[in-house]
């Protein structure tokens, strides 16, 4: 379960990075470097901006939720958690 959550988190982070880099920033930027012009030709300028912005928000929310779920899962199922340490009697 933890492996699946880790893979999903990594995939979400990679897609979020790509979505942020492809966006058309307000002050100019690297939009055209990563194919921003071709995206505008496929979807149209307004629709591609809306799609990429919505995708960025959904990916960011998904990354946040996946990180919380992974942290909760690991903390409750880890065999070497701090709660399971037995100290010897002195």
Foldseek 3Di string as FASTA:
>chain_A
DLVVLVVVLVVLVVVLVVLVQCAQDPVGDCNVVSPNVVLCVVQNDVRSNVVSVVSNVVSVVVNVVSVVVSVVVCQVPPPPHPVPDDDDDD
